[in-house]
Amino acid sequence: KIPGMLATCAIDKTVALWDTQNPGNNPEGKPFACGSKGMEVGKLYSLSFYPSSAWLLGCGGGGNQLALWDISREKPFQKRFGERTGVSAAQVSNNINETEGNEVNEDFEAILAASDKAVVEAKEKVSTGTKKKKKNRSKKKVNRR
């Protein structure tokens, strides 16, 4: 977790990063919008930082897709938030790539597999519910004759 970093997502298909500790030139002390990025996975409804890296952000879109944003590769964000972590974003990025690369992929693949399973189960429930409704409707028609 990076102190003062807030991320939001929206149906405009973007993720925005905000600084809540250093509002910039805003005399009212409101959060400062640091930047945004189009994630290209449809309207965004959910986001989360990766548990072992505050610099890795994942989001889910309306197109049933996930996208990852490695904020450590963005120099403006490194400059603004890097000192707050005690570890530079470059060090975190190198650590992820060198020591946790396999764990990141395995965790991400596990999330995708769980997501795929949930989608299949939801589709089965919907199709089962539809079949029951059709059966009930046909019975009503038979009874009315």
N, C-alpha and C. Protein backbone atom coordinates (compact mmCIF):
# COMPACT_ATOMS: atom_id res chain seq x y z
N LYS A 1 0.84 -1.18 0.00
CA LYS A 1 0.00 0.00 0.00
C LYS A 1 0.89 1.24 0.00
N ILE A 2 0.56 2.16 -0.87
CA ILE A 2 1.33 3.41 -0.95
C ILE A 2 0.50 4.51 -0.30
N PRO A 3 1.01 5.11 0.75
CA PRO A 3 0.25 6.16 1.43
C PRO A 3 -0.15 7.29 0.49
N GLY A 4 -1.42 7.63 0.51
CA GLY A 4 -1.92 8.74 -0.28
C GLY A 4 -2.29 8.41 -1.71
N MET A 5 -2.01 7.20 -2.19
CA MET A 5 -2.37 6.84 -3.56
C MET A 5 -3.77 6.24 -3.56
N LEU A 6 -4.64 6.80 -4.37
CA LEU A 6 -6.00 6.32 -4.51
C LEU A 6 -6.25 6.04 -5.99
N ALA A 7 -6.84 4.90 -6.27
CA ALA A 7 -7.17 4.56 -7.66
C ALA A 7 -8.67 4.43 -7.79
N THR A 8 -9.20 4.94 -8.89
CA THR A 8 -10.62 4.80 -9.19
C THR A 8 -10.78 4.28 -10.61
N CYS A 9 -11.89 3.61 -10.85
CA CYS A 9 -12.20 3.18 -12.21
C CYS A 9 -13.60 3.65 -12.54
N ALA A 10 -13.91 3.68 -13.83
CA ALA A 10 -15.19 4.24 -14.24
C ALA A 10 -15.69 3.58 -15.51
N ILE A 11 -16.95 3.85 -15.79
CA ILE A 11 -17.54 3.29 -17.01
C ILE A 11 -17.02 3.98 -18.27
N ASP A 12 -16.21 5.03 -18.09
CA ASP A 12 -15.58 5.66 -19.26
C ASP A 12 -14.34 4.88 -19.71
N LYS A 13 -14.14 3.68 -19.11
CA LYS A 13 -13.09 2.73 -19.50
C LYS A 13 -11.69 3.14 -19.06
N THR A 14 -11.60 4.02 -18.05
CA THR A 14 -10.30 4.48 -17.59
C THR A 14 -10.10 4.21 -16.09
N VAL A 15 -8.83 4.12 -15.72
CA VAL A 15 -8.42 4.08 -14.31
C VAL A 15 -7.73 5.41 -14.05
N ALA A 16 -8.07 6.04 -12.94
CA ALA A 16 -7.45 7.31 -12.56
C ALA A 16 -6.70 7.11 -11.25
N LEU A 17 -5.55 7.76 -11.15
CA LEU A 17 -4.76 7.75 -9.92
C LEU A 17 -4.81 9.14 -9.30
N TRP A 18 -4.99 9.15 -7.97
CA TRP A 18 -5.15 10.38 -7.22
C TRP A 18 -4.14 10.42 -6.08
N ASP A 19 -3.70 11.62 -5.73
CA ASP A 19 -2.83 11.83 -4.57
C ASP A 19 -3.66 12.51 -3.50
N THR A 20 -3.89 11.81 -2.39
CA THR A 20 -4.70 12.37 -1.31
C THR A 20 -3.86 13.06 -0.24
N GLN A 21 -2.55 12.89 -0.28
CA GLN A 21 -1.68 13.51 0.73
C GLN A 21 -1.08 14.82 0.27
N ASN A 22 -0.77 14.94 -1.00
CA ASN A 22 -0.14 16.13 -1.53
C ASN A 22 -1.03 16.67 -2.64
N PRO A 23 -1.98 17.52 -2.30
CA PRO A 23 -2.97 17.94 -3.30
C PRO A 23 -2.45 18.88 -4.39
N GLY A 24 -1.17 19.10 -4.45
CA GLY A 24 -0.62 19.95 -5.50
C GLY A 24 -0.98 21.41 -5.28
N ASN A 25 -1.45 22.07 -6.30
CA ASN A 25 -1.79 23.49 -6.21
C ASN A 25 -3.25 23.71 -5.82
N ASN A 26 -3.84 22.77 -5.16
CA ASN A 26 -5.24 22.87 -4.78
C ASN A 26 -5.35 23.40 -3.35
N PRO A 27 -5.76 24.66 -3.16
CA PRO A 27 -5.81 25.24 -1.82
C PRO A 27 -6.89 24.61 -0.94
N GLU A 28 -7.87 23.97 -1.53
CA GLU A 28 -8.95 23.37 -0.75
C GLU A 28 -8.55 22.02 -0.15
N GLY A 29 -7.41 21.49 -0.53
CA GLY A 29 -6.93 20.23 0.03
C GLY A 29 -7.63 19.01 -0.54
N LYS A 30 -8.28 19.15 -1.67
CA LYS A 30 -8.95 18.00 -2.30
C LYS A 30 -7.90 17.11 -2.97
N PRO A 31 -8.21 15.83 -3.17
CA PRO A 31 -7.27 14.94 -3.86
C PRO A 31 -6.88 15.49 -5.24
N PHE A 32 -5.64 15.27 -5.59
CA PHE A 32 -5.08 15.75 -6.84
C PHE A 32 -5.08 14.61 -7.87
N ALA A 33 -5.68 14.84 -9.02
CA ALA A 33 -5.69 13.84 -10.09
C ALA A 33 -4.31 13.81 -10.74
N CYS A 34 -3.63 12.68 -10.59
CA CYS A 34 -2.26 12.55 -11.10
C CYS A 34 -2.20 12.08 -12.54
N GLY A 35 -3.22 11.38 -12.98
CA GLY A 35 -3.23 10.86 -14.34
C GLY A 35 -4.22 9.72 -14.47
N SER A 36 -4.42 9.31 -15.70
CA SER A 36 -5.35 8.21 -15.95
C SER A 36 -4.86 7.40 -17.14
N LYS A 37 -5.46 6.23 -17.28
CA LYS A 37 -5.08 5.36 -18.38
C LYS A 37 -6.31 4.58 -18.85
N GLY A 38 -6.50 4.54 -20.17
CA GLY A 38 -7.55 3.70 -20.75
C GLY A 38 -7.09 2.25 -20.72
N MET A 39 -7.91 1.38 -20.14
CA MET A 39 -7.48 -0.01 -19.95
C MET A 39 -7.92 -0.94 -21.07
N GLU A 40 -8.78 -0.50 -21.95
CA GLU A 40 -9.19 -1.24 -23.15
C GLU A 40 -9.80 -2.61 -22.86
N VAL A 41 -10.60 -2.67 -21.79
CA VAL A 41 -11.32 -3.92 -21.48
C VAL A 41 -12.81 -3.64 -21.26
N GLY A 42 -13.30 -2.58 -21.85
CA GLY A 42 -14.70 -2.22 -21.69
C GLY A 42 -14.91 -1.31 -20.49
N LYS A 43 -16.17 -1.10 -20.16
CA LYS A 43 -16.50 -0.30 -18.98
C LYS A 43 -15.92 -0.98 -17.75
N LEU A 44 -15.32 -0.20 -16.87
CA LEU A 44 -14.64 -0.77 -15.71
C LEU A 44 -15.55 -0.73 -14.48
N TYR A 45 -15.59 -1.86 -13.79
CA TYR A 45 -16.45 -1.97 -12.62
C TYR A 45 -15.69 -2.33 -11.34
N SER A 46 -14.46 -2.80 -11.45
CA SER A 46 -13.73 -3.25 -10.28
C SER A 46 -12.23 -3.08 -10.49
N LEU A 47 -11.53 -2.75 -9.40
CA LEU A 47 -10.07 -2.68 -9.47
C LEU A 47 -9.49 -3.05 -8.12
N SER A 48 -8.24 -3.47 -8.16
CA SER A 48 -7.55 -3.86 -6.94
C SER A 48 -6.04 -3.82 -7.17
N PHE A 49 -5.33 -3.45 -6.12
CA PHE A 49 -3.88 -3.52 -6.19
C PHE A 49 -3.45 -4.94 -5.87
N TYR A 50 -2.40 -5.40 -6.51
CA TYR A 50 -1.87 -6.74 -6.26
C TYR A 50 -1.37 -6.79 -4.81
N PRO A 51 -1.71 -7.83 -4.05
CA PRO A 51 -1.40 -7.86 -2.62
C PRO A 51 0.09 -7.69 -2.27
N SER A 52 0.98 -8.23 -3.06
CA SER A 52 2.41 -8.13 -2.71
C SER A 52 3.13 -7.00 -3.42
N SER A 53 2.41 -6.23 -4.25
CA SER A 53 3.03 -5.09 -4.93
C SER A 53 2.03 -3.97 -5.08
N ALA A 54 2.27 -2.90 -4.36
CA ALA A 54 1.36 -1.75 -4.45
C ALA A 54 1.46 -1.04 -5.79
N TRP A 55 2.43 -1.43 -6.60
CA TRP A 55 2.62 -0.79 -7.90
C TRP A 55 1.90 -1.53 -9.03
N LEU A 56 1.28 -2.65 -8.73
CA LEU A 56 0.60 -3.45 -9.75
C LEU A 56 -0.90 -3.38 -9.51
N LEU A 57 -1.63 -2.88 -10.52
CA LEU A 57 -3.06 -2.65 -10.40
C LEU A 57 -3.79 -3.50 -11.43
N GLY A 58 -4.82 -4.19 -10.99
CA GLY A 58 -5.64 -4.98 -11.89
C GLY A 58 -7.06 -4.44 -11.91
N CYS A 59 -7.72 -4.55 -13.05
CA CYS A 59 -9.11 -4.09 -13.14
C CYS A 59 -9.90 -5.02 -14.03
N GLY A 60 -11.21 -5.06 -13.78
CA GLY A 60 -12.11 -5.91 -14.54
C GLY A 60 -13.07 -5.06 -15.34
N GLY A 61 -13.27 -5.47 -16.58
CA GLY A 61 -14.13 -4.70 -17.45
C GLY A 61 -15.40 -5.41 -17.85
N GLY A 62 -16.29 -4.65 -18.44
CA GLY A 62 -17.57 -5.16 -18.89
C GLY A 62 -17.46 -6.18 -20.00
N GLY A 63 -16.33 -6.28 -20.64
CA GLY A 63 -16.12 -7.26 -21.69
C GLY A 63 -15.64 -8.59 -21.16
N ASN A 64 -15.83 -8.85 -19.85
CA ASN A 64 -15.37 -10.09 -19.20
C ASN A 64 -13.87 -10.30 -19.37
N GLN A 65 -13.11 -9.21 -19.26
CA GLN A 65 -11.66 -9.28 -19.38
C GLN A 65 -11.02 -8.59 -18.20
N LEU A 66 -9.78 -8.96 -17.92
CA LEU A 66 -8.98 -8.32 -16.89
C LEU A 66 -7.81 -7.61 -17.54
N ALA A 67 -7.37 -6.52 -16.91
CA ALA A 67 -6.19 -5.81 -17.41
C ALA A 67 -5.30 -5.48 -16.22
N LEU A 68 -4.00 -5.50 -16.45
CA LEU A 68 -3.02 -5.15 -15.43
C LEU A 68 -2.28 -3.89 -15.84
N TRP A 69 -1.98 -3.06 -14.86
CA TRP A 69 -1.21 -1.84 -15.10
C TRP A 69 -0.06 -1.84 -14.11
N ASP A 70 1.15 -1.93 -14.61
CA ASP A 70 2.35 -1.86 -13.77
C ASP A 70 2.74 -0.40 -13.65
N ILE A 71 2.30 0.21 -12.58
CA ILE A 71 2.51 1.64 -12.37
C ILE A 71 3.99 1.96 -12.14
N SER A 72 4.76 0.97 -11.72
CA SER A 72 6.19 1.20 -11.47
C SER A 72 6.93 1.62 -12.73
N ARG A 73 6.37 1.37 -13.88
CA ARG A 73 7.02 1.73 -15.14
C ARG A 73 6.68 3.16 -15.60
N GLU A 74 5.83 3.81 -14.83
CA GLU A 74 5.40 5.18 -15.17
C GLU A 74 6.20 6.18 -14.34
N LYS A 75 7.11 6.90 -14.98
CA LYS A 75 8.00 7.82 -14.26
C LYS A 75 7.28 8.90 -13.47
N PRO A 76 6.21 9.51 -13.98
CA PRO A 76 5.53 10.54 -13.16
C PRO A 76 5.00 9.99 -11.83
N PHE A 77 4.54 8.76 -11.84
CA PHE A 77 4.02 8.17 -10.61
C PHE A 77 5.15 7.74 -9.68
N GLN A 78 6.25 7.29 -10.26
CA GLN A 78 7.43 6.97 -9.45
C GLN A 78 7.89 8.21 -8.70
N LYS A 79 7.94 9.32 -9.43
CA LYS A 79 8.42 10.57 -8.85
C LYS A 79 7.49 11.04 -7.72
N ARG A 80 6.19 10.94 -7.92
CA ARG A 80 5.23 11.44 -6.94
C ARG A 80 5.12 10.53 -5.72
N PHE A 81 5.07 9.20 -5.92
CA PHE A 81 4.76 8.29 -4.83
C PHE A 81 5.95 7.45 -4.34
N GLY A 82 7.04 7.41 -5.09
CA GLY A 82 8.15 6.53 -4.78
C GLY A 82 8.74 6.70 -3.39
N GLU A 83 8.89 7.93 -2.95
CA GLU A 83 9.51 8.19 -1.65
C GLU A 83 8.63 7.72 -0.49
N ARG A 84 7.35 7.59 -0.71
CA ARG A 84 6.43 7.22 0.37
C ARG A 84 6.50 5.75 0.74
N THR A 85 7.06 4.94 -0.12
CA THR A 85 7.11 3.50 0.14
C THR A 85 8.37 3.06 0.85
N GLY A 86 9.42 3.87 0.79
CA GLY A 86 10.70 3.47 1.35
C GLY A 86 11.50 2.61 0.39
N VAL A 87 10.84 2.19 -0.69
CA VAL A 87 11.47 1.38 -1.73
C VAL A 87 11.07 2.01 -3.06
N SER A 88 12.04 2.22 -3.94
CA SER A 88 11.73 2.85 -5.20
C SER A 88 10.89 1.92 -6.08
N ALA A 89 10.13 2.51 -6.95
CA ALA A 89 9.30 1.73 -7.86
C ALA A 89 10.16 0.84 -8.75
N ALA A 90 11.33 1.34 -9.14
CA ALA A 90 12.23 0.54 -9.98
C ALA A 90 12.69 -0.71 -9.25
N GLN A 91 13.00 -0.57 -7.95
CA GLN A 91 13.40 -1.74 -7.17
C GLN A 91 12.25 -2.73 -7.05
N VAL A 92 11.04 -2.22 -6.84
CA VAL A 92 9.87 -3.09 -6.74
C VAL A 92 9.65 -3.81 -8.06
N SER A 93 9.74 -3.08 -9.17
CA SER A 93 9.54 -3.69 -10.48
C SER A 93 10.58 -4.77 -10.75
N ASN A 94 11.85 -4.48 -10.45
CA ASN A 94 12.90 -5.48 -10.63
C ASN A 94 12.65 -6.69 -9.75
N ASN A 95 12.23 -6.45 -8.51
CA ASN A 95 11.97 -7.55 -7.58
C ASN A 95 10.83 -8.42 -8.10
N ILE A 96 9.79 -7.82 -8.62
CA ILE A 96 8.67 -8.59 -9.17
C ILE A 96 9.15 -9.42 -10.35
N ASN A 97 9.88 -8.79 -11.25
CA ASN A 97 10.31 -9.49 -12.46
C ASN A 97 11.30 -10.61 -12.16
N GLU A 98 12.19 -10.40 -11.20
CA GLU A 98 13.24 -11.38 -10.93
C GLU A 98 12.83 -12.47 -9.95
N THR A 99 12.18 -12.10 -8.85
CA THR A 99 11.92 -13.08 -7.80
C THR A 99 10.50 -13.60 -7.76
N GLU A 100 9.55 -12.82 -8.19
CA GLU A 100 8.17 -13.24 -8.08
C GLU A 100 7.50 -13.43 -9.43
N GLY A 101 8.25 -13.39 -10.48
CA GLY A 101 7.65 -13.50 -11.80
C GLY A 101 6.76 -14.71 -11.95
N ASN A 102 7.23 -15.86 -11.49
CA ASN A 102 6.42 -17.07 -11.60
C ASN A 102 5.21 -17.01 -10.69
N GLU A 103 5.38 -16.47 -9.47
CA GLU A 103 4.26 -16.37 -8.55
C GLU A 103 3.19 -15.45 -9.11
N VAL A 104 3.59 -14.32 -9.70
CA VAL A 104 2.63 -13.40 -10.28
C VAL A 104 1.83 -14.11 -11.36
N ASN A 105 2.52 -14.82 -12.26
CA ASN A 105 1.83 -15.52 -13.33
C ASN A 105 0.92 -16.61 -12.78
N GLU A 106 1.41 -17.37 -11.79
CA GLU A 106 0.60 -18.44 -11.22
C GLU A 106 -0.64 -17.87 -10.53
N ASP A 107 -0.47 -16.79 -9.75
CA ASP A 107 -1.60 -16.18 -9.07
C ASP A 107 -2.60 -15.63 -10.08
N PHE A 108 -2.10 -14.97 -11.10
CA PHE A 108 -2.96 -14.39 -12.11
C PHE A 108 -3.71 -15.48 -12.86
N GLU A 109 -3.02 -16.57 -13.20
CA GLU A 109 -3.67 -17.68 -13.88
C GLU A 109 -4.72 -18.34 -12.99
N ALA A 110 -4.45 -18.42 -11.68
CA ALA A 110 -5.43 -18.97 -10.75
C ALA A 110 -6.67 -18.09 -10.69
N ILE A 111 -6.48 -16.78 -10.70
CA ILE A 111 -7.61 -15.86 -10.70
C ILE A 111 -8.43 -16.03 -11.97
N LEU A 112 -7.76 -16.13 -13.10
CA LEU A 112 -8.47 -16.31 -14.36
C LEU A 112 -9.23 -17.63 -14.39
N ALA A 113 -8.60 -18.70 -13.88
CA ALA A 113 -9.27 -20.01 -13.86
C ALA A 113 -10.51 -19.96 -12.98
N ALA A 114 -10.39 -19.33 -11.81
CA ALA A 114 -11.55 -19.21 -10.91
C ALA A 114 -12.64 -18.37 -11.57
N SER A 115 -12.23 -17.33 -12.28
CA SER A 115 -13.19 -16.48 -12.96
C SER A 115 -13.91 -17.25 -14.06
N ASP A 116 -13.15 -18.04 -14.83
CA ASP A 116 -13.76 -18.85 -15.89
C ASP A 116 -14.75 -19.85 -15.31
N LYS A 117 -14.40 -20.47 -14.20
CA LYS A 117 -15.29 -21.44 -13.55
C LYS A 117 -16.57 -20.75 -13.10
N ALA A 118 -16.45 -19.56 -12.52
CA ALA A 118 -17.62 -18.82 -12.05
C ALA A 118 -18.53 -18.44 -13.22
N VAL A 119 -17.94 -18.07 -14.34
CA VAL A 119 -18.73 -17.71 -15.52
C VAL A 119 -19.50 -18.93 -16.03
N VAL A 120 -18.83 -20.07 -16.10
CA VAL A 120 -19.49 -21.29 -16.56
C VAL A 120 -20.64 -21.65 -15.62
N GLU A 121 -20.40 -21.57 -14.30
CA GLU A 121 -21.46 -21.89 -13.34
C GLU A 121 -22.64 -20.93 -13.47
N ALA A 122 -22.36 -19.66 -13.67
CA ALA A 122 -23.42 -18.67 -13.83
C ALA A 122 -24.24 -18.94 -15.09
N LYS A 123 -23.55 -19.29 -16.18
CA LYS A 123 -24.26 -19.60 -17.43
C LYS A 123 -25.13 -20.83 -17.26
N GLU A 124 -24.64 -21.83 -16.51
CA GLU A 124 -25.43 -23.04 -16.27
C GLU A 124 -26.68 -22.71 -15.46
N LYS A 125 -26.54 -21.86 -14.45
CA LYS A 125 -27.69 -21.47 -13.64
C LYS A 125 -28.71 -20.73 -14.48
N VAL A 126 -28.25 -19.84 -15.33
CA VAL A 126 -29.16 -19.08 -16.17
C VAL A 126 -29.89 -20.01 -17.14
N SER A 127 -29.16 -20.93 -17.77
CA SER A 127 -29.80 -21.82 -18.73
C SER A 127 -30.75 -22.78 -18.02
N THR A 128 -30.41 -23.23 -16.82
CA THR A 128 -31.29 -24.11 -16.05
C THR A 128 -32.55 -23.35 -15.65
N GLY A 129 -32.40 -22.12 -15.21
CA GLY A 129 -33.56 -21.30 -14.83
C GLY A 129 -34.47 -21.04 -16.01
N THR A 130 -33.90 -20.84 -17.19
CA THR A 130 -34.69 -20.60 -18.39
C THR A 130 -35.49 -21.85 -18.76
N LYS A 131 -34.88 -23.02 -18.65
CA LYS A 131 -35.57 -24.26 -18.97
C LYS A 131 -36.73 -24.49 -18.03
N LYS A 132 -36.57 -24.21 -16.74
CA LYS A 132 -37.64 -24.39 -15.78
C LYS A 132 -38.81 -23.48 -16.11
N LYS A 133 -38.54 -22.25 -16.46
CA LYS A 133 -39.61 -21.32 -16.80
C LYS A 133 -40.39 -21.80 -18.02
N LYS A 134 -39.71 -22.31 -19.02
CA LYS A 134 -40.39 -22.80 -20.21
C LYS A 134 -41.27 -23.98 -19.87
N LYS A 135 -40.81 -24.89 -19.02
CA LYS A 135 -41.61 -26.05 -18.63
C LYS A 135 -42.86 -25.60 -17.91
N ASN A 136 -42.72 -24.65 -16.99
CA ASN A 136 -43.87 -24.17 -16.24
C ASN A 136 -44.87 -23.50 -17.15
N ARG A 137 -44.41 -22.76 -18.13
CA ARG A 137 -45.32 -22.09 -19.07
C ARG A 137 -46.08 -23.11 -19.90
N SER A 138 -45.41 -24.16 -20.35
CA SER A 138 -46.09 -25.14 -21.17
C SER A 138 -47.12 -25.90 -20.33
N LYS A 139 -46.86 -26.13 -19.07
CA LYS A 139 -47.81 -26.82 -18.22
C LYS A 139 -49.06 -25.96 -18.05
N LYS A 140 -48.86 -24.67 -17.87
CA LYS A 140 -50.01 -23.77 -17.71
C LYS A 140 -50.88 -23.80 -18.95
N LYS A 141 -50.26 -23.81 -20.10
CA LYS A 141 -51.03 -23.84 -21.34
C LYS A 141 -51.80 -25.14 -21.48
N VAL A 142 -51.20 -26.25 -21.09
CA VAL A 142 -51.85 -27.54 -21.16
C VAL A 142 -53.05 -27.57 -20.22
N ASN A 143 -52.91 -27.04 -19.02
CA ASN A 143 -53.98 -27.04 -18.03
C ASN A 143 -55.12 -26.15 -18.43
N ARG A 144 -54.89 -25.12 -19.18
CA ARG A 144 -55.93 -24.17 -19.57
C ARG A 144 -56.83 -24.73 -20.67
N ARG A 145 -56.40 -25.66 -21.44
CA ARG A 145 -57.17 -26.17 -22.57
C ARG A 145 -58.27 -27.03 -22.16
